[in-house]
Amino acid sequence: MTKVEKALSVLLNGGYFREMLEKNSYTKREVFVSRLFDKDNRVVKGIGTATFLDMKNDLIRDYSCPSFSSFCKIYRHK
């Protein structure tokens, strides 16, 4: 199973991608990261920005970001 197939499976079962600023623990700089979360809000290991960019055309933006973050975008399956 490829990473895109695994991500699609998670998305179809209620998961979502979240793109937001996080502080890099090594450089201490803020960088945008994309993480895939399952329906229980746990990070799915091994799937990140490259897979997100491959799938971005098949996703729809959701505006339900937490109010504390102005640098957050959530994407769900169409």
N, C-alpha and C. Protein backbone atom coordinates (compact mmCIF):
# COMPACT_ATOMS: atom_id res chain seq x y z
N MET A 1 0.85 -1.18 0.00
CA MET A 1 0.00 0.00 0.00
C MET A 1 0.90 1.24 0.00
N THR A 2 0.64 2.15 -0.94
CA THR A 2 1.43 3.38 -1.00
C THR A 2 0.98 4.36 0.08
N LYS A 3 1.78 5.39 0.28
CA LYS A 3 1.42 6.40 1.28
C LYS A 3 0.13 7.12 0.92
N VAL A 4 -0.07 7.38 -0.39
CA VAL A 4 -1.30 8.06 -0.82
C VAL A 4 -2.51 7.17 -0.55
N GLU A 5 -2.40 5.89 -0.82
CA GLU A 5 -3.50 4.96 -0.55
C GLU A 5 -3.80 4.88 0.94
N LYS A 6 -2.74 4.85 1.76
CA LYS A 6 -2.93 4.81 3.22
C LYS A 6 -3.59 6.09 3.71
N ALA A 7 -3.13 7.23 3.19
CA ALA A 7 -3.72 8.52 3.59
C ALA A 7 -5.17 8.60 3.16
N LEU A 8 -5.49 8.14 1.97
CA LEU A 8 -6.86 8.17 1.48
C LEU A 8 -7.76 7.30 2.35
N SER A 9 -7.25 6.16 2.77
CA SER A 9 -8.01 5.28 3.66
C SER A 9 -8.33 5.98 4.99
N VAL A 10 -7.33 6.66 5.54
CA VAL A 10 -7.54 7.39 6.80
C VAL A 10 -8.54 8.54 6.61
N LEU A 11 -8.41 9.26 5.50
CA LEU A 11 -9.31 10.38 5.23
C LEU A 11 -10.76 9.92 5.05
N LEU A 12 -10.94 8.81 4.37
CA LEU A 12 -12.30 8.30 4.16
C LEU A 12 -12.93 7.80 5.45
N ASN A 13 -12.11 7.49 6.44
CA ASN A 13 -12.62 7.04 7.73
C ASN A 13 -12.69 8.16 8.76
N GLY A 14 -12.73 9.40 8.30
CA GLY A 14 -12.91 10.52 9.22
C GLY A 14 -11.66 11.28 9.58
N GLY A 15 -10.52 10.96 8.98
CA GLY A 15 -9.28 11.66 9.28
C GLY A 15 -9.20 12.99 8.53
N TYR A 16 -8.13 13.72 8.80
CA TYR A 16 -7.93 15.02 8.15
C TYR A 16 -6.46 15.39 8.16
N PHE A 17 -6.07 16.24 7.20
CA PHE A 17 -4.74 16.84 7.18
C PHE A 17 -4.82 18.18 7.87
N ARG A 18 -3.79 18.52 8.64
CA ARG A 18 -3.70 19.84 9.24
C ARG A 18 -2.35 20.44 8.85
N GLU A 19 -2.39 21.65 8.31
CA GLU A 19 -1.18 22.37 7.92
C GLU A 19 -1.07 23.57 8.85
N MET A 20 0.03 23.64 9.60
CA MET A 20 0.17 24.76 10.54
C MET A 20 1.63 25.00 10.89
N LEU A 21 1.87 26.12 11.52
CA LEU A 21 3.22 26.47 11.97
C LEU A 21 3.57 25.67 13.22
N GLU A 22 4.76 25.10 13.22
CA GLU A 22 5.29 24.43 14.40
C GLU A 22 6.74 24.85 14.56
N LYS A 23 7.20 24.87 15.79
CA LYS A 23 8.59 25.22 16.05
C LYS A 23 9.46 23.98 15.88
N ASN A 24 10.49 24.10 15.04
CA ASN A 24 11.44 23.02 14.82
C ASN A 24 12.30 22.88 16.07
N SER A 25 12.36 21.68 16.63
CA SER A 25 13.08 21.50 17.89
C SER A 25 14.59 21.65 17.73
N TYR A 26 15.09 21.46 16.51
CA TYR A 26 16.54 21.56 16.30
C TYR A 26 16.96 23.00 16.00
N THR A 27 16.29 23.67 15.06
CA THR A 27 16.69 25.02 14.66
C THR A 27 15.99 26.11 15.45
N LYS A 28 14.94 25.75 16.17
CA LYS A 28 14.13 26.70 16.97
C LYS A 28 13.39 27.71 16.10
N ARG A 29 13.26 27.41 14.80
CA ARG A 29 12.52 28.29 13.90
C ARG A 29 11.15 27.69 13.63
N GLU A 30 10.20 28.57 13.31
CA GLU A 30 8.86 28.09 12.97
C GLU A 30 8.81 27.71 11.50
N VAL A 31 8.24 26.55 11.22
CA VAL A 31 8.11 26.06 9.85
C VAL A 31 6.70 25.50 9.68
N PHE A 32 6.18 25.57 8.44
CA PHE A 32 4.90 24.96 8.15
C PHE A 32 5.08 23.45 8.01
N VAL A 33 4.24 22.70 8.66
CA VAL A 33 4.25 21.24 8.54
C VAL A 33 2.83 20.77 8.24
N SER A 34 2.74 19.66 7.55
CA SER A 34 1.45 19.03 7.26
C SER A 34 1.43 17.69 7.96
N ARG A 35 0.40 17.46 8.73
CA ARG A 35 0.28 16.20 9.46
C ARG A 35 -1.09 15.59 9.17
N LEU A 36 -1.11 14.26 9.08
CA LEU A 36 -2.36 13.54 8.90
C LEU A 36 -2.81 13.03 10.25
N PHE A 37 -4.06 13.32 10.60
CA PHE A 37 -4.65 12.88 11.86
C PHE A 37 -5.77 11.88 11.56
N ASP A 38 -5.89 10.86 12.38
CA ASP A 38 -7.00 9.92 12.21
C ASP A 38 -8.24 10.47 12.90
N LYS A 39 -9.33 9.70 12.88
CA LYS A 39 -10.58 10.20 13.44
C LYS A 39 -10.52 10.41 14.95
N ASP A 40 -9.53 9.82 15.61
CA ASP A 40 -9.35 9.99 17.06
C ASP A 40 -8.34 11.08 17.38
N ASN A 41 -7.98 11.91 16.39
CA ASN A 41 -7.05 13.04 16.53
C ASN A 41 -5.64 12.61 16.90
N ARG A 42 -5.22 11.43 16.42
CA ARG A 42 -3.84 10.97 16.62
C ARG A 42 -3.08 11.12 15.31
N VAL A 43 -1.82 11.51 15.39
CA VAL A 43 -0.98 11.68 14.19
C VAL A 43 -0.70 10.32 13.58
N VAL A 44 -0.84 10.23 12.26
CA VAL A 44 -0.49 9.01 11.53
C VAL A 44 0.98 9.14 11.13
N LYS A 45 1.80 8.25 11.62
CA LYS A 45 3.25 8.30 11.39
C LYS A 45 3.59 8.00 9.93
N GLY A 46 4.58 8.71 9.40
CA GLY A 46 5.11 8.43 8.08
C GLY A 46 4.41 9.13 6.93
N ILE A 47 3.36 9.89 7.22
CA ILE A 47 2.64 10.60 6.17
C ILE A 47 2.68 12.08 6.51
N GLY A 48 3.25 12.87 5.58
CA GLY A 48 3.42 14.29 5.87
C GLY A 48 3.24 15.16 4.66
N THR A 49 4.13 16.13 4.51
CA THR A 49 3.99 17.17 3.50
C THR A 49 4.01 16.63 2.08
N ALA A 50 4.90 15.71 1.76
CA ALA A 50 4.98 15.19 0.39
C ALA A 50 3.68 14.51 -0.02
N THR A 51 3.13 13.70 0.85
CA THR A 51 1.87 13.03 0.55
C THR A 51 0.74 14.05 0.48
N PHE A 52 0.77 15.03 1.38
CA PHE A 52 -0.26 16.08 1.37
C PHE A 52 -0.25 16.83 0.04
N LEU A 53 0.94 17.18 -0.45
CA LEU A 53 1.02 17.91 -1.72
C LEU A 53 0.57 17.04 -2.89
N ASP A 54 0.84 15.75 -2.84
CA ASP A 54 0.35 14.85 -3.89
C ASP A 54 -1.17 14.78 -3.93
N MET A 55 -1.80 14.93 -2.78
CA MET A 55 -3.25 14.77 -2.68
C MET A 55 -4.02 16.07 -2.62
N LYS A 56 -3.35 17.20 -2.58
CA LYS A 56 -4.01 18.48 -2.29
C LYS A 56 -5.18 18.79 -3.22
N ASN A 57 -5.10 18.41 -4.49
CA ASN A 57 -6.19 18.68 -5.42
C ASN A 57 -7.45 17.89 -5.09
N ASP A 58 -7.30 16.78 -4.36
CA ASP A 58 -8.45 15.95 -4.01
C ASP A 58 -9.02 16.28 -2.64
N LEU A 59 -8.52 17.33 -2.02
CA LEU A 59 -8.97 17.70 -0.68
C LEU A 59 -9.72 19.02 -0.72
N ILE A 60 -10.54 19.25 0.28
CA ILE A 60 -11.29 20.49 0.39
C ILE A 60 -10.90 21.16 1.71
N ARG A 61 -10.77 22.48 1.68
CA ARG A 61 -10.39 23.21 2.89
C ARG A 61 -11.57 23.34 3.82
N ASP A 62 -11.32 23.11 5.08
CA ASP A 62 -12.33 23.21 6.13
C ASP A 62 -11.93 24.37 7.03
N TYR A 63 -12.86 25.24 7.36
CA TYR A 63 -12.53 26.43 8.14
C TYR A 63 -12.76 26.25 9.64
N SER A 64 -12.67 25.04 10.12
CA SER A 64 -12.92 24.79 11.54
C SER A 64 -11.63 24.75 12.36
N CYS A 65 -10.70 25.63 12.06
CA CYS A 65 -9.44 25.69 12.80
C CYS A 65 -9.68 26.23 14.21
N PRO A 66 -8.82 25.84 15.13
CA PRO A 66 -8.94 26.40 16.48
C PRO A 66 -8.79 27.92 16.46
N SER A 67 -9.52 28.59 17.30
CA SER A 67 -9.50 30.05 17.29
C SER A 67 -8.16 30.62 17.73
N PHE A 68 -7.35 29.86 18.45
CA PHE A 68 -6.08 30.38 18.94
C PHE A 68 -5.02 30.43 17.85
N SER A 69 -5.26 29.78 16.71
CA SER A 69 -4.24 29.72 15.67
C SER A 69 -4.71 30.39 14.40
N SER A 70 -3.99 31.41 13.96
CA SER A 70 -4.33 32.04 12.69
C SER A 70 -3.51 31.45 11.55
N PHE A 71 -2.64 30.50 11.85
CA PHE A 71 -1.79 29.89 10.85
C PHE A 71 -2.09 28.40 10.71
N CYS A 72 -3.36 28.07 10.70
CA CYS A 72 -3.77 26.67 10.63
C CYS A 72 -4.76 26.49 9.49
N LYS A 73 -4.60 25.42 8.73
CA LYS A 73 -5.56 25.06 7.69
C LYS A 73 -5.87 23.58 7.85
N ILE A 74 -7.12 23.23 7.78
CA ILE A 74 -7.52 21.83 7.88
C ILE A 74 -8.12 21.41 6.55
N TYR A 75 -7.72 20.24 6.07
CA TYR A 75 -8.19 19.72 4.79
C TYR A 75 -8.83 18.36 5.02
N ARG A 76 -9.99 18.16 4.40
CA ARG A 76 -10.70 16.88 4.47
C ARG A 76 -10.92 16.36 3.06
N HIS A 77 -11.31 15.10 2.98
CA HIS A 77 -11.60 14.52 1.66
C HIS A 77 -12.89 15.11 1.13
N LYS A 78 -12.96 15.35 -0.20
CA LYS A 78 -14.15 15.94 -0.82
C LYS A 78 -15.34 15.02 -0.70
